[in-house]
Amino acid sequence: MKNQQTTPLSYKKVAVGSMFDDIAPRYDFLNHFLSFGIDRIWRRKAVRLISETHSHADILDVATGTGDLAIAAVKLQPLHITGIDISEKMLAAGWEKIKRKGLSEKITLIPGESEKILFPDNRFDVAMSSFGVRNFADPLAGLTEMGRVLRSGGLIMVLEFSRPSAFPFRQIYKFYFLNILPFIGRIFSKNKVAYRYLPETVMKFPENEEFLELLKNAGFTEVKQERLTLGIASIYTGIIYKTQ
């Protein structure tokens, strides 16, 4: 029997999963602290956008992490929310929050990969992700999988960091993101890699028209972008239509 070779994509999955396992106990605190709590506002805005067309839906939350977006989406009165993530320690931290909030009948968290979603075609009404797509080993494959498990007319919603363009906010943001954020993150998380990895992925991540084009290539139409807080983050949406 031949030894299975480790591909660059599979190596990235292992490395990212291990990194998030390591920072899981401090992840929520650092997220809110380093974003000055604005990440909560962004998630609420994302949920409001979903509510305009897809309330009372069956929802998949990809790269759910500790479940913050899934918890926020309970306001949609969904049929159910299923969150998947490759980091089991992040899922464990999320599950504790869900139990404390009495939401265990509304939200289920299970291990799962974005590029190989273990659900059949046409299973969900909404597929969403917050601050997770940039960690996909293959973003196009992950977005395509999210489309595959959606029913015709299903909605994708992606909340991700983006890069401001206006002077001088762009320069201030870049200095904070590349210098202050990694320094503080390293001190509190005790992980030298994680909060250097974050700004690196944001700086490399396709945004604006480039990301909208990725959504189109994954099969989505009616793609839109809404920039948030002077362009620090963006909400991307799209609809998928399927022929019978």
Foldseek 3Di string as FASTA:
>chain_A
DDDDDDDPLNVLLVVVLVVLLLQLVCVVVLVCVLVVNCVLVVLLVLLVVCLVPPAQWEEEEEQCQLPSSVVSNVVSVHPAYEYEHQHVNSPVNNVVVCVVVVNPVRYHYDYDALLCGPDAFQATQEYEYEQPLLSRSDNLSSLLSRNRNHHFFHKYKYKHFAAFDDPPVNVVVVCCQQPVQLVVCCVVSVDNPPSNVSSVSRVPPDDDPRVQVSNVSSAWPPWDWDAPDNRRMIMIMTGHHDDD
